[in-house]
Amino acid sequence: MSVTIYHNPRCSKSRETLALLEQHGHTPIVVEYLKTPLSSEEIKTLIEQLGFGSAHDLLRTKEDEYKEHGLSKSSSEDDIIAAMVTAPKLIERPIVVTNGKAAVGRPPESVLALF
């Protein structure tokens, strides 16, 4: 079973989620999405795998980039996804994907429901 974590090593929740996965015997593929930004198609796939109704649900709305990109709840899906492509810091983290499903590790234990 392949497990992927979209990870930011500077984020404590991301580090905790990675450690939790390893404690449960998983060796995930680690994607540092700030170094390797996701494409719009990859973001759309994650939104679907997470079961989110909107791209806005995947945004970190307290980041400066949220305001810099002029985003709001009424922003179009395309505008939100384009902003996440150019400013990956806007993407909620960490995200764990396995078996075609995904979960955000907030709290870290929430990803265990995938297994």
PDB file of N, CA and C in Angstrom:
ATOM      1  N   MET A   1       0.847  -1.177   0.000  1.00  0.00           N
ATOM      2  CA  MET A   1       0.000   0.000   0.000  1.00  0.00           C
ATOM      3  C   MET A   1       0.890   1.236   0.000  1.00  0.00           C
ATOM      4  N   SER A   2       0.695   2.083  -0.990  1.00  0.00           N
ATOM      5  CA  SER A   2       1.457   3.314  -1.119  1.00  0.00           C
ATOM      6  C   SER A   2       0.817   4.418  -0.272  1.00  0.00           C
ATOM      7  N   VAL A   3       1.637   5.123   0.477  1.00  0.00           N
ATOM      8  CA  VAL A   3       1.183   6.236   1.303  1.00  0.00           C
ATOM      9  C   VAL A   3       2.033   7.450   0.935  1.00  0.00           C
ATOM     10  N   THR A   4       1.366   8.571   0.689  1.00  0.00           N
ATOM     11  CA  THR A   4       2.055   9.817   0.364  1.00  0.00           C
ATOM     12  C   THR A   4       1.655  10.877   1.378  1.00  0.00           C
ATOM     13  N   ILE A   5       2.633  11.661   1.817  1.00  0.00           N
ATOM     14  CA  ILE A   5       2.337  12.801   2.682  1.00  0.00           C
ATOM     15  C   ILE A   5       2.840  14.060   1.983  1.00  0.00           C
ATOM     16  N   TYR A   6       1.961  15.030   1.858  1.00  0.00           N
ATOM     17  CA  TYR A   6       2.334  16.357   1.356  1.00  0.00           C
ATOM     18  C   TYR A   6       2.742  17.122   2.602  1.00  0.00           C
ATOM     19  N   HIS A   7       4.025  17.392   2.690  1.00  0.00           N
ATOM     20  CA  HIS A   7       4.682  17.729   3.947  1.00  0.00           C
ATOM     21  C   HIS A   7       5.408  19.065   3.881  1.00  0.00           C
ATOM     22  N   ASN A   8       5.347  19.774   4.998  1.00  0.00           N
ATOM     23  CA  ASN A   8       6.158  20.972   5.199  1.00  0.00           C
ATOM     24  C   ASN A   8       6.961  20.716   6.477  1.00  0.00           C
ATOM     25  N   PRO A   9       8.267  20.468   6.366  1.00  0.00           N
ATOM     26  CA  PRO A   9       9.052  20.131   7.550  1.00  0.00           C
ATOM     27  C   PRO A   9       9.118  21.233   8.604  1.00  0.00           C
ATOM     28  N   ARG A  10       8.744  22.450   8.249  1.00  0.00           N
ATOM     29  CA  ARG A  10       8.744  23.550   9.222  1.00  0.00           C
ATOM     30  C   ARG A  10       7.459  23.589  10.043  1.00  0.00           C
ATOM     31  N   CYS A  11       6.467  22.771   9.670  1.00  0.00           N
ATOM     32  CA  CYS A  11       5.163  22.759  10.340  1.00  0.00           C
ATOM     33  C   CYS A  11       5.127  21.647  11.389  1.00  0.00           C
ATOM     34  N   SER A  12       4.811  21.996  12.628  1.00  0.00           N
ATOM     35  CA  SER A  12       4.797  20.997  13.700  1.00  0.00           C
ATOM     36  C   SER A  12       3.745  19.919  13.452  1.00  0.00           C
ATOM     37  N   LYS A  13       2.574  20.282  12.958  1.00  0.00           N
ATOM     38  CA  LYS A  13       1.529  19.281  12.682  1.00  0.00           C
ATOM     39  C   LYS A  13       1.978  18.326  11.578  1.00  0.00           C
ATOM     40  N   SER A  14       2.690  18.849  10.607  1.00  0.00           N
ATOM     41  CA  SER A  14       3.195  18.018   9.525  1.00  0.00           C
ATOM     42  C   SER A  14       4.243  17.042  10.053  1.00  0.00           C
ATOM     43  N   ARG A  15       5.136  17.529  10.884  1.00  0.00           N
ATOM     44  CA  ARG A  15       6.162  16.656  11.480  1.00  0.00           C
ATOM     45  C   ARG A  15       5.513  15.590  12.366  1.00  0.00           C
ATOM     46  N   GLU A  16       4.512  15.988  13.153  1.00  0.00           N
ATOM     47  CA  GLU A  16       3.816  15.047  14.034  1.00  0.00           C
ATOM     48  C   GLU A  16       3.093  13.978  13.221  1.00  0.00           C
ATOM     49  N   THR A  17       2.476  14.375  12.117  1.00  0.00           N
ATOM     50  CA  THR A  17       1.755  13.421  11.275  1.00  0.00           C
ATOM     51  C   THR A  17       2.721  12.434  10.640  1.00  0.00           C
ATOM     52  N   LEU A  18       3.848  12.921  10.152  1.00  0.00           N
ATOM     53  CA  LEU A  18       4.849  12.035   9.567  1.00  0.00           C
ATOM     54  C   LEU A  18       5.341  11.030  10.605  1.00  0.00           C
ATOM     55  N   ALA A  19       5.636  11.500  11.812  1.00  0.00           N
ATOM     56  CA  ALA A  19       6.101  10.611  12.884  1.00  0.00           C
ATOM     57  C   ALA A  19       5.030   9.583  13.238  1.00  0.00           C
ATOM     58  N   LEU A  20       3.780  10.001  13.275  1.00  0.00           N
ATOM     59  CA  LEU A  20       2.675   9.094  13.583  1.00  0.00           C
ATOM     60  C   LEU A  20       2.553   7.993  12.536  1.00  0.00           C
ATOM     61  N   LEU A  21       2.672   8.367  11.278  1.00  0.00           N
ATOM     62  CA  LEU A  21       2.628   7.366  10.207  1.00  0.00           C
ATOM     63  C   LEU A  21       3.747   6.348  10.383  1.00  0.00           C
ATOM     64  N   GLU A  22       4.941   6.847  10.668  1.00  0.00           N
ATOM     65  CA  GLU A  22       6.097   5.961  10.848  1.00  0.00           C
ATOM     66  C   GLU A  22       5.921   5.065  12.070  1.00  0.00           C
ATOM     67  N   GLN A  23       5.343   5.610  13.144  1.00  0.00           N
ATOM     68  CA  GLN A  23       5.085   4.812  14.349  1.00  0.00           C
ATOM     69  C   GLN A  23       4.111   3.666  14.063  1.00  0.00           C
ATOM     70  N   HIS A  24       3.221   3.878  13.104  1.00  0.00           N
ATOM     71  CA  HIS A  24       2.234   2.856  12.736  1.00  0.00           C
ATOM     72  C   HIS A  24       2.733   1.963  11.599  1.00  0.00           C
ATOM     73  N   GLY A  25       4.022   2.004  11.331  1.00  0.00           N
ATOM     74  CA  GLY A  25       4.626   1.091  10.376  1.00  0.00           C
ATOM     75  C   GLY A  25       4.550   1.497   8.919  1.00  0.00           C
ATOM     76  N   HIS A  26       4.194   2.742   8.643  1.00  0.00           N
ATOM     77  CA  HIS A  26       4.110   3.230   7.266  1.00  0.00           C
ATOM     78  C   HIS A  26       5.376   4.008   6.919  1.00  0.00           C
ATOM     79  N   THR A  27       5.857   3.796   5.719  1.00  0.00           N
ATOM     80  CA  THR A  27       6.996   4.554   5.210  1.00  0.00           C
ATOM     81  C   THR A  27       6.485   5.364   4.020  1.00  0.00           C
ATOM     82  N   PRO A  28       5.965   6.551   4.293  1.00  0.00           N
ATOM     83  CA  PRO A  28       5.335   7.319   3.217  1.00  0.00           C
ATOM     84  C   PRO A  28       6.322   7.934   2.235  1.00  0.00           C
ATOM     85  N   ILE A  29       5.822   8.167   1.051  1.00  0.00           N
ATOM     86  CA  ILE A  29       6.524   8.998   0.080  1.00  0.00           C
ATOM     87  C   ILE A  29       6.321  10.429   0.568  1.00  0.00           C
ATOM     88  N   VAL A  30       7.396  11.141   0.785  1.00  0.00           N
ATOM     89  CA  VAL A  30       7.308  12.503   1.321  1.00  0.00           C
ATOM     90  C   VAL A  30       7.454  13.493   0.174  1.00  0.00           C
ATOM     91  N   VAL A  31       6.421  14.299  -0.013  1.00  0.00           N
ATOM     92  CA  VAL A  31       6.439  15.347  -1.034  1.00  0.00           C
ATOM     93  C   VAL A  31       6.484  16.686  -0.310  1.00  0.00           C
ATOM     94  N   GLU A  32       7.614  17.371  -0.412  1.00  0.00           N
ATOM     95  CA  GLU A  32       7.724  18.708   0.169  1.00  0.00           C
ATOM     96  C   GLU A  32       7.156  19.680  -0.858  1.00  0.00           C
ATOM     97  N   TYR A  33       5.857  19.931  -0.722  1.00  0.00           N
ATOM     98  CA  TYR A  33       5.128  20.671  -1.754  1.00  0.00           C
ATOM     99  C   TYR A  33       5.546  22.138  -1.880  1.00  0.00           C
ATOM    100  N   LEU A  34       6.275  22.665  -0.898  1.00  0.00           N
ATOM    101  CA  LEU A  34       6.778  24.037  -1.048  1.00  0.00           C
ATOM    102  C   LEU A  34       7.977  24.059  -1.987  1.00  0.00           C
ATOM    103  N   LYS A  35       8.734  22.956  -2.026  1.00  0.00           N
ATOM    104  CA  LYS A  35       9.873  22.844  -2.932  1.00  0.00           C
ATOM    105  C   LYS A  35       9.453  22.332  -4.310  1.00  0.00           C
ATOM    106  N   THR A  36       8.418  21.492  -4.320  1.00  0.00           N
ATOM    107  CA  THR A  36       7.913  20.901  -5.553  1.00  0.00           C
ATOM    108  C   THR A  36       6.420  21.225  -5.629  1.00  0.00           C
ATOM    109  N   PRO A  37       6.062  22.422  -6.087  1.00  0.00           N
ATOM    110  CA  PRO A  37       4.657  22.829  -6.103  1.00  0.00           C
ATOM    111  C   PRO A  37       3.784  21.865  -6.915  1.00  0.00           C
ATOM    112  N   LEU A  38       2.550  21.746  -6.466  1.00  0.00           N
ATOM    113  CA  LEU A  38       1.586  20.881  -7.128  1.00  0.00           C
ATOM    114  C   LEU A  38       0.995  21.571  -8.354  1.00  0.00           C
ATOM    115  N   SER A  39       0.610  20.767  -9.324  1.00  0.00           N
ATOM    116  CA  SER A  39      -0.073  21.306 -10.503  1.00  0.00           C
ATOM    117  C   SER A  39      -1.546  21.515 -10.169  1.00  0.00           C
ATOM    118  N   SER A  40      -2.237  22.229 -11.015  1.00  0.00           N
ATOM    119  CA  SER A  40      -3.671  22.435 -10.782  1.00  0.00           C
ATOM    120  C   SER A  40      -4.407  21.095 -10.809  1.00  0.00           C
ATOM    121  N   GLU A  41      -3.989  20.177 -11.673  1.00  0.00           N
ATOM    122  CA  GLU A  41      -4.633  18.858 -11.730  1.00  0.00           C
ATOM    123  C   GLU A  41      -4.399  18.082 -10.439  1.00  0.00           C
ATOM    124  N   GLU A  42      -3.199  18.147  -9.896  1.00  0.00           N
ATOM    125  CA  GLU A  42      -2.914  17.455  -8.635  1.00  0.00           C
ATOM    126  C   GLU A  42      -3.753  18.042  -7.500  1.00  0.00           C
ATOM    127  N   ILE A  43      -3.910  19.350  -7.477  1.00  0.00           N
ATOM    128  CA  ILE A  43      -4.726  19.995  -6.441  1.00  0.00           C
ATOM    129  C   ILE A  43      -6.179  19.585  -6.594  1.00  0.00           C
ATOM    130  N   LYS A  44      -6.686  19.562  -7.818  1.00  0.00           N
ATOM    131  CA  LYS A  44      -8.076  19.127  -8.049  1.00  0.00           C
ATOM    132  C   LYS A  44      -8.281  17.692  -7.583  1.00  0.00           C
ATOM    133  N   THR A  45      -7.301  16.834  -7.845  1.00  0.00           N
ATOM    134  CA  THR A  45      -7.396  15.439  -7.402  1.00  0.00           C
ATOM    135  C   THR A  45      -7.427  15.362  -5.879  1.00  0.00           C
ATOM    136  N   LEU A  46      -6.576  16.131  -5.217  1.00  0.00           N
ATOM    137  CA  LEU A  46      -6.569  16.135  -3.750  1.00  0.00           C
ATOM    138  C   LEU A  46      -7.908  16.601  -3.191  1.00  0.00           C
ATOM    139  N   ILE A  47      -8.479  17.629  -3.771  1.00  0.00           N
ATOM    140  CA  ILE A  47      -9.770  18.144  -3.302  1.00  0.00           C
ATOM    141  C   ILE A  47     -10.826  17.044  -3.399  1.00  0.00           C
ATOM    142  N   GLU A  48     -10.799  16.308  -4.495  1.00  0.00           N
ATOM    143  CA  GLU A  48     -11.745  15.204  -4.691  1.00  0.00           C
ATOM    144  C   GLU A  48     -11.473  14.083  -3.684  1.00  0.00           C
ATOM    145  N   GLN A  49     -10.210  13.695  -3.517  1.00  0.00           N
ATOM    146  CA  GLN A  49      -9.857  12.625  -2.582  1.00  0.00           C
ATOM    147  C   GLN A  49     -10.199  12.990  -1.134  1.00  0.00           C
ATOM    148  N   LEU A  50     -10.103  14.262  -0.811  1.00  0.00           N
ATOM    149  CA  LEU A  50     -10.441  14.736   0.527  1.00  0.00           C
ATOM    150  C   LEU A  50     -11.950  14.808   0.746  1.00  0.00           C
ATOM    151  N   GLY A  51     -12.702  14.811  -0.340  1.00  0.00           N
ATOM    152  CA  GLY A  51     -14.157  14.925  -0.231  1.00  0.00           C
ATOM    153  C   GLY A  51     -14.604  16.344   0.058  1.00  0.00           C
ATOM    154  N   PHE A  52     -13.770  17.310  -0.266  1.00  0.00           N
ATOM    155  CA  PHE A  52     -14.115  18.711  -0.034  1.00  0.00           C
ATOM    156  C   PHE A  52     -15.075  19.189  -1.116  1.00  0.00           C
ATOM    157  N   GLY A  53     -15.993  20.045  -0.731  1.00  0.00           N
ATOM    158  CA  GLY A  53     -16.959  20.578  -1.671  1.00  0.00           C
ATOM    159  C   GLY A  53     -16.428  21.743  -2.487  1.00  0.00           C
ATOM    160  N   SER A  54     -15.330  22.319  -2.022  1.00  0.00           N
ATOM    161  CA  SER A  54     -14.795  23.509  -2.674  1.00  0.00           C
ATOM    162  C   SER A  54     -13.282  23.559  -2.485  1.00  0.00           C
ATOM    163  N   ALA A  55     -12.607  24.177  -3.428  1.00  0.00           N
ATOM    164  CA  ALA A  55     -11.167  24.387  -3.298  1.00  0.00           C
ATOM    165  C   ALA A  55     -10.872  25.275  -2.093  1.00  0.00           C
ATOM    166  N   HIS A  56     -11.803  26.146  -1.754  1.00  0.00           N
ATOM    167  CA  HIS A  56     -11.622  27.050  -0.618  1.00  0.00           C
ATOM    168  C   HIS A  56     -11.399  26.268   0.679  1.00  0.00           C
ATOM    169  N   ASP A  57     -11.981  25.060   0.771  1.00  0.00           N
ATOM    170  CA  ASP A  57     -11.826  24.229   1.970  1.00  0.00           C
ATOM    171  C   ASP A  57     -10.385  23.791   2.193  1.00  0.00           C
ATOM    172  N   LEU A  58      -9.558  23.851   1.158  1.00  0.00           N
ATOM    173  CA  LEU A  58      -8.163  23.425   1.239  1.00  0.00           C
ATOM    174  C   LEU A  58      -7.215  24.598   1.529  1.00  0.00           C
ATOM    175  N   LEU A  59      -7.754  25.796   1.639  1.00  0.00           N
ATOM    176  CA  LEU A  59      -6.937  27.000   1.823  1.00  0.00           C
ATOM    177  C   LEU A  59      -6.599  27.292   3.279  1.00  0.00           C
ATOM    178  N   ARG A  60      -5.408  27.809   3.462  1.00  0.00           N
ATOM    179  CA  ARG A  60      -4.997  28.381   4.744  1.00  0.00           C
ATOM    180  C   ARG A  60      -5.327  29.878   4.655  1.00  0.00           C
ATOM    181  N   THR A  61      -6.473  30.247   5.168  1.00  0.00           N
ATOM    182  CA  THR A  61      -6.993  31.608   4.976  1.00  0.00           C
ATOM    183  C   THR A  61      -6.267  32.661   5.823  1.00  0.00           C
ATOM    184  N   LYS A  62      -5.434  32.246   6.765  1.00  0.00           N
ATOM    185  CA  LYS A  62      -4.739  33.231   7.603  1.00  0.00           C
ATOM    186  C   LYS A  62      -3.358  33.595   7.057  1.00  0.00           C
ATOM    187  N   GLU A  63      -2.968  32.951   5.966  1.00  0.00           N
ATOM    188  CA  GLU A  63      -1.678  33.291   5.343  1.00  0.00           C
ATOM    189  C   GLU A  63      -1.798  34.637   4.632  1.00  0.00           C
ATOM    190  N   ASP A  64      -0.704  35.404   4.599  1.00  0.00           N
ATOM    191  CA  ASP A  64      -0.690  36.700   3.915  1.00  0.00           C
ATOM    192  C   ASP A  64      -1.066  36.549   2.441  1.00  0.00           C
ATOM    193  N   GLU A  65      -0.656  35.422   1.848  1.00  0.00           N
ATOM    194  CA  GLU A  65      -0.927  35.189   0.425  1.00  0.00           C
ATOM    195  C   GLU A  65      -2.413  35.128   0.125  1.00  0.00           C
ATOM    196  N   TYR A  66      -3.224  34.773   1.105  1.00  0.00           N
ATOM    197  CA  TYR A  66      -4.678  34.725   0.910  1.00  0.00           C
ATOM    198  C   TYR A  66      -5.180  36.119   0.519  1.00  0.00           C
ATOM    199  N   LYS A  67      -4.768  37.123   1.265  1.00  0.00           N
ATOM    200  CA  LYS A  67      -5.179  38.505   0.967  1.00  0.00           C
ATOM    201  C   LYS A  67      -4.467  39.030  -0.278  1.00  0.00           C
ATOM    202  N   GLU A  68      -3.180  38.684  -0.411  1.00  0.00           N
ATOM    203  CA  GLU A  68      -2.406  39.155  -1.560  1.00  0.00           C
ATOM    204  C   GLU A  68      -3.014  38.705  -2.885  1.00  0.00           C
ATOM    205  N   HIS A  69      -3.617  37.526  -2.890  1.00  0.00           N
ATOM    206  CA  HIS A  69      -4.255  37.000  -4.102  1.00  0.00           C
ATOM    207  C   HIS A  69      -5.720  37.426  -4.211  1.00  0.00           C
ATOM    208  N   GLY A  70      -6.188  38.226  -3.254  1.00  0.00           N
ATOM    209  CA  GLY A  70      -7.561  38.721  -3.295  1.00  0.00           C
ATOM    210  C   GLY A  70      -8.600  37.613  -3.159  1.00  0.00           C
ATOM    211  N   LEU A  71      -8.273  36.574  -2.402  1.00  0.00           N
ATOM    212  CA  LEU A  71      -9.175  35.433  -2.281  1.00  0.00           C
ATOM    213  C   LEU A  71     -10.258  35.672  -1.233  1.00  0.00           C
ATOM    214  N   SER A  72     -11.389  35.018  -1.447  1.00  0.00           N
ATOM    215  CA  SER A  72     -12.497  35.041  -0.497  1.00  0.00           C
ATOM    216  C   SER A  72     -13.325  33.785  -0.742  1.00  0.00           C
ATOM    217  N   LYS A  73     -14.336  33.587   0.099  1.00  0.00           N
ATOM    218  CA  LYS A  73     -15.215  32.417  -0.087  1.00  0.00           C
ATOM    219  C   LYS A  73     -15.920  32.463  -1.440  1.00  0.00           C
ATOM    220  N   SER A  74     -16.075  33.650  -1.998  1.00  0.00           N
ATOM    221  CA  SER A  74     -16.780  33.771  -3.282  1.00  0.00           C
ATOM    222  C   SER A  74     -15.837  33.700  -4.495  1.00  0.00           C
ATOM    223  N   SER A  75     -14.541  33.497  -4.242  1.00  0.00           N
ATOM    224  CA  SER A  75     -13.597  33.366  -5.363  1.00  0.00           C
ATOM    225  C   SER A  75     -13.928  32.116  -6.166  1.00  0.00           C
ATOM    226  N   SER A  76     -13.641  32.157  -7.447  1.00  0.00           N
ATOM    227  CA  SER A  76     -13.917  30.999  -8.300  1.00  0.00           C
ATOM    228  C   SER A  76     -12.946  29.861  -7.980  1.00  0.00           C
ATOM    229  N   GLU A  77     -13.369  28.645  -8.275  1.00  0.00           N
ATOM    230  CA  GLU A  77     -12.508  27.480  -8.073  1.00  0.00           C
ATOM    231  C   GLU A  77     -11.197  27.661  -8.848  1.00  0.00           C
ATOM    232  N   ASP A  78     -11.295  28.118 -10.081  1.00  0.00           N
ATOM    233  CA  ASP A  78     -10.103  28.299 -10.906  1.00  0.00           C
ATOM    234  C   ASP A  78      -9.140  29.312 -10.289  1.00  0.00           C
ATOM    235  N   ASP A  79      -9.674  30.421  -9.755  1.00  0.00           N
ATOM    236  CA  ASP A  79      -8.815  31.436  -9.129  1.00  0.00           C
ATOM    237  C   ASP A  79      -8.138  30.895  -7.869  1.00  0.00           C
ATOM    238  N   ILE A  80      -8.873  30.122  -7.090  1.00  0.00           N
ATOM    239  CA  ILE A  80      -8.312  29.558  -5.851  1.00  0.00           C
ATOM    240  C   ILE A  80      -7.208  28.555  -6.187  1.00  0.00           C
ATOM    241  N   ILE A  81      -7.481  27.673  -7.127  1.00  0.00           N
ATOM    242  CA  ILE A  81      -6.496  26.660  -7.507  1.00  0.00           C
ATOM    243  C   ILE A  81      -5.257  27.316  -8.124  1.00  0.00           C
ATOM    244  N   ALA A  82      -5.465  28.324  -8.963  1.00  0.00           N
ATOM    245  CA  ALA A  82      -4.332  29.043  -9.555  1.00  0.00           C
ATOM    246  C   ALA A  82      -3.482  29.681  -8.458  1.00  0.00           C
ATOM    247  N   ALA A  83      -4.116  30.225  -7.433  1.00  0.00           N
ATOM    248  CA  ALA A  83      -3.373  30.833  -6.324  1.00  0.00           C
ATOM    249  C   ALA A  83      -2.561  29.774  -5.573  1.00  0.00           C
ATOM    250  N   MET A  84      -3.139  28.583  -5.380  1.00  0.00           N
ATOM    251  CA  MET A  84      -2.417  27.513  -4.685  1.00  0.00           C
ATOM    252  C   MET A  84      -1.228  27.011  -5.508  1.00  0.00           C
ATOM    253  N   VAL A  85      -1.358  27.051  -6.826  1.00  0.00           N
ATOM    254  CA  VAL A  85      -0.247  26.639  -7.690  1.00  0.00           C
ATOM    255  C   VAL A  85       0.906  27.635  -7.553  1.00  0.00           C
ATOM    256  N   THR A  86       0.592  28.927  -7.579  1.00  0.00           N
ATOM    257  CA  THR A  86       1.651  29.939  -7.522  1.00  0.00           C
ATOM    258  C   THR A  86       2.139  30.216  -6.095  1.00  0.00           C
ATOM    259  N   ALA A  87       1.290  29.955  -5.108  1.00  0.00           N
ATOM    260  CA  ALA A  87       1.654  30.175  -3.701  1.00  0.00           C
ATOM    261  C   ALA A  87       1.272  28.928  -2.897  1.00  0.00           C
ATOM    262  N   PRO A  88       2.074  27.855  -2.999  1.00  0.00           N
ATOM    263  CA  PRO A  88       1.717  26.600  -2.336  1.00  0.00           C
ATOM    264  C   PRO A  88       1.582  26.702  -0.819  1.00  0.00           C
ATOM    265  N   LYS A  89       2.094  27.770  -0.245  1.00  0.00           N
ATOM    266  CA  LYS A  89       1.944  27.992   1.199  1.00  0.00           C
ATOM    267  C   LYS A  89       0.464  28.078   1.589  1.00  0.00           C
ATOM    268  N   LEU A  90      -0.390  28.379   0.618  1.00  0.00           N
ATOM    269  CA  LEU A  90      -1.826  28.494   0.863  1.00  0.00           C
ATOM    270  C   LEU A  90      -2.502  27.144   1.104  1.00  0.00           C
ATOM    271  N   ILE A  91      -1.847  26.057   0.740  1.00  0.00           N
ATOM    272  CA  ILE A  91      -2.458  24.731   0.847  1.00  0.00           C
ATOM    273  C   ILE A  91      -2.383  24.242   2.291  1.00  0.00           C
ATOM    274  N   GLU A  92      -3.529  23.804   2.804  1.00  0.00           N
ATOM    275  CA  GLU A  92      -3.578  23.240   4.158  1.00  0.00           C
ATOM    276  C   GLU A  92      -2.645  22.049   4.235  1.00  0.00           C
ATOM    277  N   ARG A  93      -2.068  21.846   5.390  1.00  0.00           N
ATOM    278  CA  ARG A  93      -1.101  20.767   5.537  1.00  0.00           C
ATOM    279  C   ARG A  93      -1.223  20.112   6.895  1.00  0.00           C
ATOM    280  N   PRO A  94      -0.682  18.935   7.020  1.00  0.00           N
ATOM    281  CA  PRO A  94      -0.227  18.022   5.972  1.00  0.00           C
ATOM    282  C   PRO A  94      -1.412  17.275   5.371  1.00  0.00           C
ATOM    283  N   ILE A  95      -1.207  16.716   4.202  1.00  0.00           N
ATOM    284  CA  ILE A  95      -2.224  15.894   3.560  1.00  0.00           C
ATOM    285  C   ILE A  95      -1.613  14.516   3.348  1.00  0.00           C
ATOM    286  N   VAL A  96      -2.345  13.489   3.762  1.00  0.00           N
ATOM    287  CA  VAL A  96      -1.908  12.111   3.572  1.00  0.00           C
ATOM    288  C   VAL A  96      -2.860  11.454   2.590  1.00  0.00           C
ATOM    289  N   VAL A  97      -2.281  10.729   1.620  1.00  0.00           N
ATOM    290  CA  VAL A  97      -3.072  10.059   0.592  1.00  0.00           C
ATOM    291  C   VAL A  97      -2.700   8.579   0.559  1.00  0.00           C
ATOM    292  N   THR A  98      -3.716   7.738   0.514  1.00  0.00           N
ATOM    293  CA  THR A  98      -3.531   6.303   0.328  1.00  0.00           C
ATOM    294  C   THR A  98      -4.829   5.703  -0.188  1.00  0.00           C
ATOM    295  N   ASN A  99      -4.722   4.700  -1.014  1.00  0.00           N
ATOM    296  CA  ASN A  99      -5.889   3.993  -1.553  1.00  0.00           C
ATOM    297  C   ASN A  99      -6.933   4.926  -2.166  1.00  0.00           C
ATOM    298  N   GLY A 100      -6.486   5.984  -2.824  1.00  0.00           N
ATOM    299  CA  GLY A 100      -7.412   6.893  -3.499  1.00  0.00           C
ATOM    300  C   GLY A 100      -8.177   7.826  -2.583  1.00  0.00           C
ATOM    301  N   LYS A 101      -7.824   7.844  -1.300  1.00  0.00           N
ATOM    302  CA  LYS A 101      -8.476   8.741  -0.346  1.00  0.00           C
ATOM    303  C   LYS A 101      -7.414   9.587   0.332  1.00  0.00           C
ATOM    304  N   ALA A 102      -7.849  10.710   0.868  1.00  0.00           N
ATOM    305  CA  ALA A 102      -6.910  11.625   1.518  1.00  0.00           C
ATOM    306  C   ALA A 102      -7.513  12.182   2.798  1.00  0.00           C
ATOM    307  N   ALA A 103      -6.634  12.651   3.683  1.00  0.00           N
ATOM    308  CA  ALA A 103      -7.057  13.301   4.918  1.00  0.00           C
ATOM    309  C   ALA A 103      -6.023  14.357   5.281  1.00  0.00           C
ATOM    310  N   VAL A 104      -6.510  15.435   5.890  1.00  0.00           N
ATOM    311  CA  VAL A 104      -5.636  16.481   6.404  1.00  0.00           C
ATOM    312  C   VAL A 104      -5.270  16.102   7.837  1.00  0.00           C
ATOM    313  N   GLY A 105      -4.004  16.204   8.166  1.00  0.00           N
ATOM    314  CA  GLY A 105      -3.521  15.834   9.491  1.00  0.00           C
ATOM    315  C   GLY A 105      -3.692  16.911  10.529  1.00  0.00           C
ATOM    316  N   ARG A 106      -4.901  17.362  10.704  1.00  0.00           N
ATOM    317  CA  ARG A 106      -5.231  18.345  11.735  1.00  0.00           C
ATOM    318  C   ARG A 106      -6.485  17.872  12.450  1.00  0.00           C
ATOM    319  N   PRO A 107      -6.355  17.200  13.560  1.00  0.00           N
ATOM    320  CA  PRO A 107      -5.133  16.809  14.248  1.00  0.00           C
ATOM    321  C   PRO A 107      -4.453  15.643  13.528  1.00  0.00           C
ATOM    322  N   PRO A 108      -3.189  15.380  13.846  1.00  0.00           N
ATOM    323  CA  PRO A 108      -2.458  14.327  13.152  1.00  0.00           C
ATOM    324  C   PRO A 108      -3.171  12.972  13.151  1.00  0.00           C
ATOM    325  N   GLU A 109      -3.841  12.644  14.247  1.00  0.00           N
ATOM    326  CA  GLU A 109      -4.519  11.345  14.367  1.00  0.00           C
ATOM    327  C   GLU A 109      -5.634  11.160  13.336  1.00  0.00           C
ATOM    328  N   SER A 110      -6.114  12.235  12.756  1.00  0.00           N
ATOM    329  CA  SER A 110      -7.216  12.119  11.795  1.00  0.00           C
ATOM    330  C   SER A 110      -6.821  11.316  10.565  1.00  0.00           C
ATOM    331  N   VAL A 111      -5.522  11.244  10.247  1.00  0.00           N
ATOM    332  CA  VAL A 111      -5.101  10.494   9.066  1.00  0.00           C
ATOM    333  C   VAL A 111      -5.189   8.980   9.282  1.00  0.00           C
ATOM    334  N   LEU A 112      -5.247   8.553  10.533  1.00  0.00           N
ATOM    335  CA  LEU A 112      -5.311   7.119  10.802  1.00  0.00           C
ATOM    336  C   LEU A 112      -6.607   6.489  10.307  1.00  0.00           C
ATOM    337  N   ALA A 113      -7.631   7.299  10.119  1.00  0.00           N
ATOM    338  CA  ALA A 113      -8.907   6.794   9.588  1.00  0.00           C
ATOM    339  C   ALA A 113      -8.761   6.268   8.161  1.00  0.00           C
ATOM    340  N   LEU A 114      -7.676   6.625   7.484  1.00  0.00           N
ATOM    341  CA  LEU A 114      -7.443   6.153   6.113  1.00  0.00           C
ATOM    342  C   LEU A 114      -7.023   4.686   6.078  1.00  0.00           C
ATOM    343  N   PHE A 115      -6.596   4.148   7.225  1.00  0.00           N
ATOM    344  CA  PHE A 115      -6.035   2.787   7.247  1.00  0.00           C
ATOM    345  C   PHE A 115      -6.973   1.791   7.886  1.00  0.00           C
TER     346      PHE A 115
END
